[in-house]
């Protein structure tokens, strides 16, 4: 079972709870932020260990946080680095709009549709029991798929340039999500995933 969703929506059904705002930033502001993200962020090519071999992740990453907030996931350790001013401004807008509190942000950069992110859930113990994550997208539109951990239910979103996706509890408990390959996509995409680490 699979259904498509577009425009603004608030969804809370079968353990999947999210809000999607298609025009969180307008086109001009989105272009402004994308340029800063591509040129001012210290992007890293990280690796994961699979069966004893180090494999490059199919994307670049970066991490910023409040002082002293480190983050460990998939065996990758991120040390606290102060937010650039423009990223801090995005954080403040997300906190105000969604009435939320975030103390860290993990960034992903995809050069084109050949780069991807496999099914996973952001449920590390450092995130606590009530996990709320806000993902802001800039650049190329990309499909984003939720898949239930207990059934065949799927939900497909097309994350637009300047959009915001706020995933609320208990989404991470019940669903995995992915950003699949899309060979026809030739432009870069950057997303910022704001979270609160305990």
N, C-alpha and C. Protein backbone atom coordinates (compact mmCIF):
# COMPACT_ATOMS: atom_id res chain seq x y z
N UNK A 1 0.85 -1.20 0.00
CA UNK A 1 0.00 0.00 0.00
C UNK A 1 0.88 1.24 0.00
N UNK A 2 0.61 2.17 -0.91
CA UNK A 2 1.45 3.35 -1.03
C UNK A 2 0.59 4.51 -1.50
N UNK A 3 0.78 5.66 -0.89
CA UNK A 3 0.02 6.82 -1.32
C UNK A 3 0.92 8.04 -1.38
N UNK A 4 0.60 8.97 -2.27
CA UNK A 4 1.40 10.18 -2.44
C UNK A 4 0.76 11.35 -1.72
N UNK A 5 1.60 12.25 -1.24
CA UNK A 5 1.13 13.41 -0.50
C UNK A 5 1.84 14.63 -1.06
N UNK A 6 1.11 15.73 -1.25
CA UNK A 6 1.75 16.96 -1.69
C UNK A 6 1.14 18.13 -0.95
N UNK A 7 1.78 19.30 -1.07
CA UNK A 7 1.36 20.52 -0.41
C UNK A 7 1.47 20.38 1.11
N UNK A 8 0.79 21.27 1.85
CA UNK A 8 0.90 21.25 3.30
C UNK A 8 -0.04 20.20 3.88
N UNK A 9 0.43 19.47 4.86
CA UNK A 9 -0.42 18.44 5.45
C UNK A 9 0.03 18.14 6.87
N UNK A 10 -0.95 17.85 7.72
CA UNK A 10 -0.69 17.29 9.03
C UNK A 10 -1.30 15.90 9.04
N UNK A 11 -0.50 14.91 9.40
CA UNK A 11 -0.92 13.50 9.30
C UNK A 11 -0.63 12.80 10.62
N UNK A 12 -1.63 12.12 11.16
CA UNK A 12 -1.45 11.36 12.41
C UNK A 12 -2.36 10.14 12.35
N UNK A 13 -1.80 9.04 11.87
CA UNK A 13 -2.60 7.84 11.63
C UNK A 13 -1.69 6.62 11.65
N UNK A 14 -2.14 5.56 12.31
CA UNK A 14 -1.41 4.29 12.37
C UNK A 14 0.02 4.46 12.86
N UNK A 15 0.20 5.33 13.84
CA UNK A 15 1.52 5.51 14.44
C UNK A 15 2.47 6.36 13.65
N UNK A 16 1.98 6.97 12.56
CA UNK A 16 2.78 7.89 11.74
C UNK A 16 2.26 9.30 11.98
N UNK A 17 3.12 10.18 12.49
CA UNK A 17 2.70 11.49 12.94
C UNK A 17 3.67 12.54 12.40
N UNK A 18 3.21 13.36 11.44
CA UNK A 18 4.11 14.37 10.89
C UNK A 18 3.32 15.57 10.36
N UNK A 19 4.03 16.68 10.21
CA UNK A 19 3.52 17.86 9.51
C UNK A 19 4.49 18.20 8.39
N UNK A 20 3.95 18.53 7.23
CA UNK A 20 4.77 18.89 6.08
C UNK A 20 4.34 20.27 5.60
N UNK A 21 5.31 21.19 5.53
CA UNK A 21 5.07 22.54 5.06
C UNK A 21 5.87 22.73 3.78
N UNK A 22 5.18 22.85 2.66
CA UNK A 22 5.86 22.84 1.36
C UNK A 22 6.68 24.11 1.12
N UNK A 23 6.17 25.26 1.55
CA UNK A 23 6.87 26.53 1.32
C UNK A 23 7.30 27.16 2.64
N UNK A 24 8.07 26.40 3.40
CA UNK A 24 8.58 26.92 4.66
C UNK A 24 9.47 28.14 4.40
N UNK A 25 10.23 28.07 3.31
CA UNK A 25 10.99 29.22 2.80
C UNK A 25 10.59 29.44 1.34
N UNK A 26 10.54 30.72 0.92
CA UNK A 26 10.22 30.99 -0.48
C UNK A 26 11.44 30.69 -1.37
N UNK A 27 11.24 30.80 -2.68
CA UNK A 27 12.27 30.41 -3.64
C UNK A 27 13.56 31.21 -3.46
N UNK A 28 13.45 32.52 -3.29
CA UNK A 28 14.64 33.35 -3.16
C UNK A 28 15.43 33.03 -1.90
N UNK A 29 14.72 32.89 -0.79
CA UNK A 29 15.39 32.57 0.48
C UNK A 29 16.01 31.18 0.42
N UNK A 30 15.33 30.25 -0.23
CA UNK A 30 15.87 28.90 -0.36
C UNK A 30 17.15 28.89 -1.18
N UNK A 31 17.19 29.66 -2.26
CA UNK A 31 18.41 29.76 -3.07
C UNK A 31 19.55 30.38 -2.28
N UNK A 32 19.22 31.37 -1.48
CA UNK A 32 20.22 32.03 -0.63
C UNK A 32 20.83 31.03 0.36
N UNK A 33 19.97 30.26 1.03
CA UNK A 33 20.48 29.30 2.01
C UNK A 33 21.23 28.16 1.34
N UNK A 34 20.76 27.70 0.18
CA UNK A 34 21.46 26.61 -0.51
C UNK A 34 22.87 27.03 -0.87
N UNK A 35 23.04 28.24 -1.36
CA UNK A 35 24.38 28.73 -1.71
C UNK A 35 25.29 28.74 -0.48
N UNK A 36 24.79 29.20 0.64
CA UNK A 36 25.59 29.21 1.87
C UNK A 36 25.93 27.79 2.32
N UNK A 37 24.96 26.90 2.25
CA UNK A 37 25.18 25.52 2.68
C UNK A 37 26.23 24.83 1.81
N UNK A 38 26.19 25.06 0.52
CA UNK A 38 27.15 24.41 -0.38
C UNK A 38 28.56 24.96 -0.21
N UNK A 39 28.68 26.23 0.17
CA UNK A 39 29.98 26.89 0.16
C UNK A 39 30.57 27.22 1.53
N UNK A 40 29.75 27.21 2.57
CA UNK A 40 30.24 27.63 3.89
C UNK A 40 30.27 26.51 4.93
N UNK A 41 29.74 25.37 4.61
CA UNK A 41 29.72 24.24 5.55
C UNK A 41 30.95 23.37 5.33
N UNK A 42 31.53 22.88 6.43
CA UNK A 42 32.68 21.98 6.37
C UNK A 42 32.18 20.55 6.18
N UNK A 43 31.92 20.18 4.95
CA UNK A 43 31.37 18.86 4.64
C UNK A 43 32.41 17.76 4.82
N UNK A 44 31.95 16.60 5.31
CA UNK A 44 32.82 15.46 5.55
C UNK A 44 32.33 14.24 4.79
N UNK A 45 33.29 13.46 4.25
CA UNK A 45 32.97 12.16 3.67
C UNK A 45 33.18 11.12 4.76
N UNK A 46 32.10 10.65 5.34
CA UNK A 46 32.21 9.69 6.43
C UNK A 46 32.10 8.27 5.91
N UNK A 47 32.55 7.34 6.74
CA UNK A 47 32.54 5.93 6.38
C UNK A 47 31.86 5.11 7.47
N UNK A 48 31.27 4.00 7.06
CA UNK A 48 30.76 3.03 8.00
C UNK A 48 31.45 1.70 7.75
N UNK A 49 31.48 0.86 8.76
CA UNK A 49 32.14 -0.44 8.67
C UNK A 49 31.10 -1.51 8.39
N UNK A 50 31.24 -2.20 7.27
CA UNK A 50 30.34 -3.28 6.90
C UNK A 50 31.15 -4.54 6.66
N UNK A 51 30.94 -5.54 7.51
CA UNK A 51 31.66 -6.81 7.40
C UNK A 51 33.17 -6.59 7.33
N UNK A 52 33.65 -5.68 8.17
CA UNK A 52 35.08 -5.44 8.26
C UNK A 52 35.66 -4.51 7.22
N UNK A 53 34.81 -4.00 6.33
CA UNK A 53 35.29 -3.08 5.29
C UNK A 53 34.73 -1.68 5.53
N UNK A 54 35.57 -0.67 5.33
CA UNK A 54 35.14 0.72 5.45
C UNK A 54 34.52 1.17 4.12
N UNK A 55 33.28 1.61 4.19
CA UNK A 55 32.53 2.00 3.00
C UNK A 55 32.12 3.47 3.12
N UNK A 56 32.37 4.25 2.05
CA UNK A 56 31.93 5.65 2.04
C UNK A 56 30.41 5.73 2.07
N UNK A 57 29.88 6.62 2.91
CA UNK A 57 28.46 6.90 2.85
C UNK A 57 28.12 7.55 1.50
N UNK A 58 26.94 7.25 0.94
CA UNK A 58 26.57 7.83 -0.36
C UNK A 58 26.02 9.25 -0.23
N UNK A 59 26.74 10.09 0.51
CA UNK A 59 26.37 11.49 0.74
C UNK A 59 27.47 12.11 1.61
N UNK A 60 27.52 13.42 1.67
CA UNK A 60 28.39 14.12 2.60
C UNK A 60 27.58 14.56 3.81
N UNK A 61 28.26 14.74 4.94
CA UNK A 61 27.56 15.11 6.17
C UNK A 61 28.30 16.21 6.92
N UNK A 62 27.57 16.84 7.83
CA UNK A 62 28.14 17.83 8.74
C UNK A 62 27.27 17.85 9.99
N UNK A 63 27.83 18.36 11.09
CA UNK A 63 27.10 18.36 12.37
C UNK A 63 27.42 19.62 13.15
N UNK A 64 26.37 20.25 13.69
CA UNK A 64 26.52 21.42 14.56
C UNK A 64 25.58 21.25 15.75
N UNK A 65 25.93 21.92 16.86
CA UNK A 65 25.10 21.74 18.05
C UNK A 65 25.33 22.85 19.07
N UNK A 66 24.48 22.84 20.10
CA UNK A 66 24.74 23.64 21.28
C UNK A 66 26.04 23.15 21.92
N UNK A 67 26.70 23.97 22.75
CA UNK A 67 27.97 23.56 23.36
C UNK A 67 27.87 22.24 24.12
N UNK A 68 28.81 21.34 23.85
CA UNK A 68 28.91 20.08 24.59
C UNK A 68 27.96 18.98 24.15
N UNK A 69 27.18 19.21 23.10
CA UNK A 69 26.22 18.20 22.65
C UNK A 69 26.85 17.38 21.53
N UNK A 70 27.38 16.21 21.88
CA UNK A 70 27.97 15.30 20.91
C UNK A 70 26.91 14.29 20.46
N UNK A 71 27.16 13.60 19.36
CA UNK A 71 26.16 12.68 18.81
C UNK A 71 26.84 11.48 18.19
N UNK A 72 26.35 10.28 18.53
CA UNK A 72 26.89 9.04 18.00
C UNK A 72 25.77 8.26 17.33
N UNK A 73 25.96 7.91 16.05
CA UNK A 73 24.99 7.05 15.37
C UNK A 73 25.72 6.20 14.35
N UNK A 74 25.28 4.97 14.19
CA UNK A 74 25.87 4.03 13.21
C UNK A 74 27.39 3.94 13.35
N UNK A 75 27.87 4.08 14.59
CA UNK A 75 29.31 4.00 14.84
C UNK A 75 30.07 5.24 14.47
N UNK A 76 29.38 6.30 14.05
CA UNK A 76 30.02 7.56 13.66
C UNK A 76 29.86 8.56 14.79
N UNK A 77 30.96 9.12 15.25
CA UNK A 77 30.94 10.06 16.36
C UNK A 77 31.04 11.49 15.85
N UNK A 78 30.12 12.34 16.30
CA UNK A 78 30.13 13.75 15.93
C UNK A 78 30.39 14.59 17.17
N UNK A 79 31.42 15.41 17.13
CA UNK A 79 31.75 16.31 18.22
C UNK A 79 31.04 17.65 18.03
N UNK A 80 30.74 18.28 19.14
CA UNK A 80 30.03 19.55 19.11
C UNK A 80 30.81 20.63 18.36
N UNK A 81 30.17 21.26 17.39
CA UNK A 81 30.72 22.40 16.65
C UNK A 81 29.67 23.50 16.65
N UNK A 82 30.08 24.74 16.90
CA UNK A 82 29.13 25.85 16.99
C UNK A 82 28.42 26.10 15.66
N UNK A 83 27.13 26.40 15.74
CA UNK A 83 26.35 26.69 14.53
C UNK A 83 26.89 27.91 13.79
N UNK A 84 26.99 27.85 12.47
CA UNK A 84 27.13 29.09 11.70
C UNK A 84 25.88 29.94 11.91
N UNK A 85 26.03 31.24 11.81
CA UNK A 85 24.91 32.15 12.09
C UNK A 85 23.69 31.83 11.25
N UNK A 86 23.88 31.53 9.96
CA UNK A 86 22.73 31.31 9.09
C UNK A 86 22.00 30.01 9.43
N UNK A 87 22.73 28.99 9.89
CA UNK A 87 22.07 27.74 10.31
C UNK A 87 21.33 27.96 11.62
N UNK A 88 21.90 28.76 12.50
CA UNK A 88 21.22 29.08 13.76
C UNK A 88 19.90 29.79 13.48
N UNK A 89 19.86 30.64 12.46
CA UNK A 89 18.62 31.34 12.13
C UNK A 89 17.55 30.37 11.62
N UNK A 90 17.96 29.34 10.87
CA UNK A 90 17.02 28.31 10.42
C UNK A 90 16.49 27.54 11.62
N UNK A 91 17.36 27.21 12.54
CA UNK A 91 16.97 26.51 13.77
C UNK A 91 15.92 27.30 14.54
N UNK A 92 16.15 28.60 14.71
CA UNK A 92 15.21 29.43 15.47
C UNK A 92 13.84 29.48 14.79
N UNK A 93 13.82 29.57 13.47
CA UNK A 93 12.54 29.59 12.77
C UNK A 93 11.80 28.27 12.95
N UNK A 94 12.51 27.15 12.84
CA UNK A 94 11.88 25.83 13.02
C UNK A 94 11.33 25.68 14.44
N UNK A 95 12.09 26.13 15.43
CA UNK A 95 11.64 26.03 16.82
C UNK A 95 10.38 26.86 17.04
N UNK A 96 10.36 28.06 16.49
CA UNK A 96 9.21 28.94 16.66
C UNK A 96 7.98 28.40 15.94
N UNK A 97 8.15 27.98 14.70
CA UNK A 97 7.02 27.53 13.89
C UNK A 97 6.39 26.27 14.46
N UNK A 98 7.22 25.31 14.88
CA UNK A 98 6.70 24.03 15.36
C UNK A 98 6.59 23.96 16.88
N UNK A 99 6.87 25.07 17.56
CA UNK A 99 6.82 25.12 19.02
C UNK A 99 7.65 23.97 19.61
N UNK A 100 8.91 23.90 19.18
CA UNK A 100 9.80 22.80 19.55
C UNK A 100 11.12 23.35 20.07
N UNK A 101 11.92 22.45 20.63
CA UNK A 101 13.27 22.80 21.10
C UNK A 101 14.26 21.83 20.49
N UNK A 102 15.28 22.36 19.82
CA UNK A 102 16.34 21.55 19.23
C UNK A 102 17.69 22.01 19.75
N UNK A 103 18.62 21.07 19.91
CA UNK A 103 19.97 21.45 20.36
C UNK A 103 21.07 20.91 19.46
N UNK A 104 20.69 20.42 18.28
CA UNK A 104 21.69 19.89 17.35
C UNK A 104 21.08 19.76 15.97
N UNK A 105 21.97 19.69 14.97
CA UNK A 105 21.50 19.50 13.60
C UNK A 105 22.51 18.65 12.84
N UNK A 106 22.00 17.63 12.16
CA UNK A 106 22.80 16.79 11.27
C UNK A 106 22.43 17.15 9.84
N UNK A 107 23.44 17.47 9.03
CA UNK A 107 23.21 17.87 7.64
C UNK A 107 23.66 16.77 6.70
N UNK A 108 22.90 16.61 5.61
CA UNK A 108 23.24 15.67 4.55
C UNK A 108 23.27 16.40 3.22
N UNK A 109 24.27 16.08 2.40
CA UNK A 109 24.41 16.70 1.08
C UNK A 109 24.47 15.61 0.02
N UNK A 110 23.55 15.66 -0.93
CA UNK A 110 23.45 14.68 -2.00
C UNK A 110 23.78 15.38 -3.32
N UNK A 111 24.82 14.94 -4.01
CA UNK A 111 25.27 15.65 -5.22
C UNK A 111 24.26 15.55 -6.35
N UNK A 112 23.51 14.45 -6.39
CA UNK A 112 22.46 14.24 -7.40
C UNK A 112 21.65 13.02 -6.98
N UNK A 113 20.79 12.55 -7.90
CA UNK A 113 19.92 11.43 -7.56
C UNK A 113 20.60 10.09 -7.39
N UNK A 114 21.90 10.02 -7.71
CA UNK A 114 22.62 8.76 -7.52
C UNK A 114 22.99 8.54 -6.05
N UNK A 115 22.93 9.60 -5.26
CA UNK A 115 23.23 9.48 -3.84
C UNK A 115 21.93 9.36 -3.06
N UNK A 116 21.98 8.63 -1.97
CA UNK A 116 20.75 8.18 -1.34
C UNK A 116 20.96 7.95 0.15
N UNK A 117 19.85 7.59 0.83
CA UNK A 117 19.90 7.22 2.24
C UNK A 117 18.93 6.06 2.42
N UNK A 118 19.44 4.92 2.88
CA UNK A 118 18.63 3.73 3.02
C UNK A 118 17.64 3.81 4.17
N UNK A 119 16.76 2.81 4.24
CA UNK A 119 15.75 2.78 5.29
C UNK A 119 16.39 2.74 6.68
N UNK A 120 15.91 3.60 7.56
CA UNK A 120 16.40 3.68 8.93
C UNK A 120 15.40 4.48 9.75
N UNK A 121 15.55 4.44 11.05
CA UNK A 121 14.80 5.33 11.93
C UNK A 121 15.78 6.02 12.85
N UNK A 122 15.49 7.26 13.18
CA UNK A 122 16.35 8.04 14.08
C UNK A 122 15.88 7.78 15.51
N UNK A 123 16.36 6.67 16.08
CA UNK A 123 15.87 6.26 17.39
C UNK A 123 17.00 5.93 18.36
N UNK A 124 18.15 6.58 18.21
CA UNK A 124 19.26 6.35 19.12
C UNK A 124 18.85 6.73 20.54
N UNK A 125 19.41 6.03 21.53
CA UNK A 125 19.00 6.26 22.92
C UNK A 125 19.24 7.70 23.36
N UNK A 126 20.22 8.37 22.75
CA UNK A 126 20.51 9.77 23.11
C UNK A 126 19.34 10.70 22.78
N UNK A 127 18.44 10.25 21.91
CA UNK A 127 17.31 11.08 21.51
C UNK A 127 16.12 10.94 22.44
N UNK A 128 16.21 10.01 23.41
CA UNK A 128 15.15 9.85 24.39
C UNK A 128 13.98 9.03 23.87
N UNK A 129 12.85 9.11 24.59
CA UNK A 129 11.67 8.31 24.25
C UNK A 129 10.67 9.06 23.38
N UNK A 130 10.63 10.38 23.49
CA UNK A 130 9.68 11.20 22.73
C UNK A 130 10.47 11.95 21.66
N UNK A 131 10.68 11.31 20.52
CA UNK A 131 11.58 11.85 19.50
C UNK A 131 10.81 12.67 18.47
N UNK A 132 11.21 13.94 18.35
CA UNK A 132 10.66 14.85 17.34
C UNK A 132 11.82 15.41 16.52
N UNK A 133 11.74 15.30 15.21
CA UNK A 133 12.83 15.72 14.32
C UNK A 133 12.27 16.58 13.20
N UNK A 134 12.95 17.68 12.93
CA UNK A 134 12.53 18.59 11.86
C UNK A 134 13.56 18.56 10.74
N UNK A 135 13.12 18.25 9.53
CA UNK A 135 14.00 18.19 8.36
C UNK A 135 13.65 19.32 7.40
N UNK A 136 14.63 20.19 7.14
CA UNK A 136 14.46 21.30 6.20
C UNK A 136 15.25 20.97 4.93
N UNK A 137 14.62 21.10 3.77
CA UNK A 137 15.23 20.72 2.50
C UNK A 137 15.51 21.93 1.61
N UNK A 138 16.67 21.90 0.97
CA UNK A 138 17.04 22.93 -0.01
C UNK A 138 17.63 22.25 -1.25
N UNK A 139 17.31 22.79 -2.42
CA UNK A 139 17.86 22.23 -3.65
C UNK A 139 16.87 21.32 -4.36
N UNK A 140 17.38 20.26 -4.95
CA UNK A 140 16.55 19.35 -5.76
C UNK A 140 15.43 18.73 -4.93
N UNK A 141 14.27 18.58 -5.55
CA UNK A 141 13.17 17.83 -4.93
C UNK A 141 13.53 16.35 -4.94
N UNK A 142 13.25 15.67 -3.82
CA UNK A 142 13.55 14.24 -3.74
C UNK A 142 12.40 13.50 -3.06
N UNK A 143 12.17 12.27 -3.51
CA UNK A 143 11.19 11.41 -2.86
C UNK A 143 11.70 11.00 -1.49
N UNK A 144 10.76 10.88 -0.57
CA UNK A 144 11.04 10.48 0.82
C UNK A 144 9.95 9.50 1.20
N UNK A 145 10.34 8.31 1.63
CA UNK A 145 9.36 7.25 1.86
C UNK A 145 9.37 6.79 3.31
N UNK A 146 8.19 6.79 3.93
CA UNK A 146 7.98 6.16 5.23
C UNK A 146 7.54 4.72 4.99
N UNK A 147 8.09 3.78 5.76
CA UNK A 147 7.67 2.38 5.67
C UNK A 147 7.44 1.83 7.07
N UNK A 148 6.26 1.29 7.30
CA UNK A 148 5.93 0.74 8.61
C UNK A 148 6.86 -0.41 8.98
N UNK A 149 7.21 -0.49 10.25
CA UNK A 149 8.05 -1.59 10.74
C UNK A 149 7.23 -2.86 10.95
N UNK A 150 5.89 -2.73 10.93
CA UNK A 150 5.03 -3.87 11.28
C UNK A 150 4.09 -4.30 10.15
N UNK A 151 3.97 -3.50 9.11
CA UNK A 151 3.05 -3.84 8.02
C UNK A 151 3.65 -3.39 6.69
N UNK A 152 2.86 -3.50 5.63
CA UNK A 152 3.31 -3.09 4.30
C UNK A 152 2.98 -1.63 4.00
N UNK A 153 2.45 -0.92 4.97
CA UNK A 153 2.05 0.46 4.75
C UNK A 153 3.24 1.35 4.42
N UNK A 154 3.10 2.13 3.34
CA UNK A 154 4.11 3.12 2.96
C UNK A 154 3.43 4.46 2.69
N UNK A 155 4.16 5.51 2.97
CA UNK A 155 3.72 6.86 2.61
C UNK A 155 4.86 7.55 1.87
N UNK A 156 4.53 8.14 0.73
CA UNK A 156 5.54 8.80 -0.08
C UNK A 156 5.34 10.30 -0.09
N UNK A 157 6.40 11.05 0.21
CA UNK A 157 6.41 12.50 0.10
C UNK A 157 7.41 12.90 -0.96
N UNK A 158 7.16 14.01 -1.63
CA UNK A 158 8.17 14.61 -2.49
C UNK A 158 8.61 15.89 -1.81
N UNK A 159 9.80 15.87 -1.23
CA UNK A 159 10.28 17.00 -0.43
C UNK A 159 10.81 18.09 -1.35
N UNK A 160 10.14 19.22 -1.33
CA UNK A 160 10.44 20.32 -2.23
C UNK A 160 11.51 21.25 -1.67
N UNK A 161 12.11 22.03 -2.56
CA UNK A 161 13.06 23.06 -2.18
C UNK A 161 12.38 24.04 -1.22
N UNK A 162 12.98 24.25 -0.04
CA UNK A 162 12.43 25.18 0.94
C UNK A 162 11.36 24.60 1.83
N UNK A 163 11.15 23.28 1.79
CA UNK A 163 10.10 22.66 2.60
C UNK A 163 10.61 22.24 3.97
N UNK A 164 9.64 22.00 4.87
CA UNK A 164 9.94 21.51 6.22
C UNK A 164 9.08 20.30 6.50
N UNK A 165 9.71 19.25 7.02
CA UNK A 165 9.01 18.04 7.44
C UNK A 165 9.29 17.84 8.93
N UNK A 166 8.24 17.90 9.74
CA UNK A 166 8.38 17.74 11.19
C UNK A 166 7.82 16.38 11.58
N UNK A 167 8.71 15.45 11.92
CA UNK A 167 8.33 14.09 12.30
C UNK A 167 8.21 14.01 13.81
N UNK A 168 7.01 13.69 14.28
CA UNK A 168 6.72 13.71 15.70
C UNK A 168 6.55 12.30 16.26
N UNK A 169 6.74 12.18 17.58
CA UNK A 169 6.51 10.92 18.28
C UNK A 169 5.09 10.43 18.00
N UNK A 170 4.88 9.11 17.73
CA UNK A 170 5.84 7.99 17.81
C UNK A 170 6.37 7.53 16.45
N UNK A 171 6.54 8.44 15.50
CA UNK A 171 6.93 8.06 14.14
C UNK A 171 8.19 7.21 14.10
N UNK A 172 9.25 7.64 14.80
CA UNK A 172 10.53 6.91 14.74
C UNK A 172 10.41 5.51 15.34
N UNK A 173 9.48 5.34 16.27
CA UNK A 173 9.26 4.03 16.89
C UNK A 173 8.58 3.06 15.92
N UNK A 174 7.71 3.57 15.08
CA UNK A 174 6.86 2.72 14.25
C UNK A 174 7.25 2.64 12.78
N UNK A 175 8.06 3.60 12.31
CA UNK A 175 8.36 3.68 10.89
C UNK A 175 9.84 3.89 10.62
N UNK A 176 10.31 3.26 9.55
CA UNK A 176 11.60 3.61 8.95
C UNK A 176 11.34 4.61 7.83
N UNK A 177 12.38 5.31 7.41
CA UNK A 177 12.23 6.23 6.28
C UNK A 177 13.48 6.18 5.41
N UNK A 178 13.33 6.57 4.17
CA UNK A 178 14.47 6.51 3.24
C UNK A 178 14.37 7.63 2.21
N UNK A 179 15.52 7.91 1.61
CA UNK A 179 15.62 8.81 0.45
C UNK A 179 16.21 7.97 -0.67
N UNK A 180 15.36 7.39 -1.54
CA UNK A 180 15.86 6.45 -2.55
C UNK A 180 16.59 7.13 -3.70
N UNK A 181 17.35 6.33 -4.44
CA UNK A 181 18.01 6.83 -5.65
C UNK A 181 16.96 7.28 -6.66
N UNK A 182 17.28 8.34 -7.37
CA UNK A 182 16.44 8.82 -8.47
C UNK A 182 17.36 9.30 -9.57
N UNK A 183 17.60 8.45 -10.58
CA UNK A 183 18.64 8.71 -11.58
C UNK A 183 18.37 9.95 -12.43
N UNK A 184 17.12 10.37 -12.52
CA UNK A 184 16.80 11.54 -13.34
C UNK A 184 17.09 12.86 -12.62
N UNK A 185 17.36 12.80 -11.32
CA UNK A 185 17.67 14.01 -10.56
C UNK A 185 19.15 14.36 -10.77
N UNK A 186 19.43 15.55 -11.29
CA UNK A 186 20.81 15.93 -11.61
C UNK A 186 21.32 17.08 -10.74
N UNK A 187 20.46 17.63 -9.88
CA UNK A 187 20.86 18.75 -9.05
C UNK A 187 21.16 18.30 -7.62
N UNK A 188 21.89 19.15 -6.90
CA UNK A 188 22.23 18.84 -5.51
C UNK A 188 21.05 19.11 -4.57
N UNK A 189 21.06 18.40 -3.47
CA UNK A 189 20.09 18.62 -2.40
C UNK A 189 20.83 18.62 -1.07
N UNK A 190 20.43 19.52 -0.19
CA UNK A 190 20.93 19.55 1.19
C UNK A 190 19.74 19.53 2.12
N UNK A 191 19.81 18.69 3.15
CA UNK A 191 18.77 18.78 4.18
C UNK A 191 19.41 18.90 5.55
N UNK A 192 18.71 19.60 6.42
CA UNK A 192 19.14 19.82 7.79
C UNK A 192 18.14 19.13 8.70
N UNK A 193 18.59 18.21 9.54
CA UNK A 193 17.69 17.50 10.44
C UNK A 193 17.97 17.95 11.87
N UNK A 194 17.07 18.78 12.37
CA UNK A 194 17.19 19.31 13.72
C UNK A 194 16.59 18.33 14.71
N UNK A 195 17.28 18.15 15.83
CA UNK A 195 16.86 17.18 16.83
C UNK A 195 17.25 17.66 18.22
N UNK A 196 16.72 16.95 19.23
CA UNK A 196 17.08 17.27 20.62
C UNK A 196 17.73 16.04 21.24
N UNK A 197 18.99 16.19 21.62
CA UNK A 197 19.75 15.10 22.25
C UNK A 197 19.70 15.28 23.75
N UNK A 198 19.36 14.20 24.44
CA UNK A 198 19.22 14.25 25.91
C UNK A 198 20.56 14.48 26.59
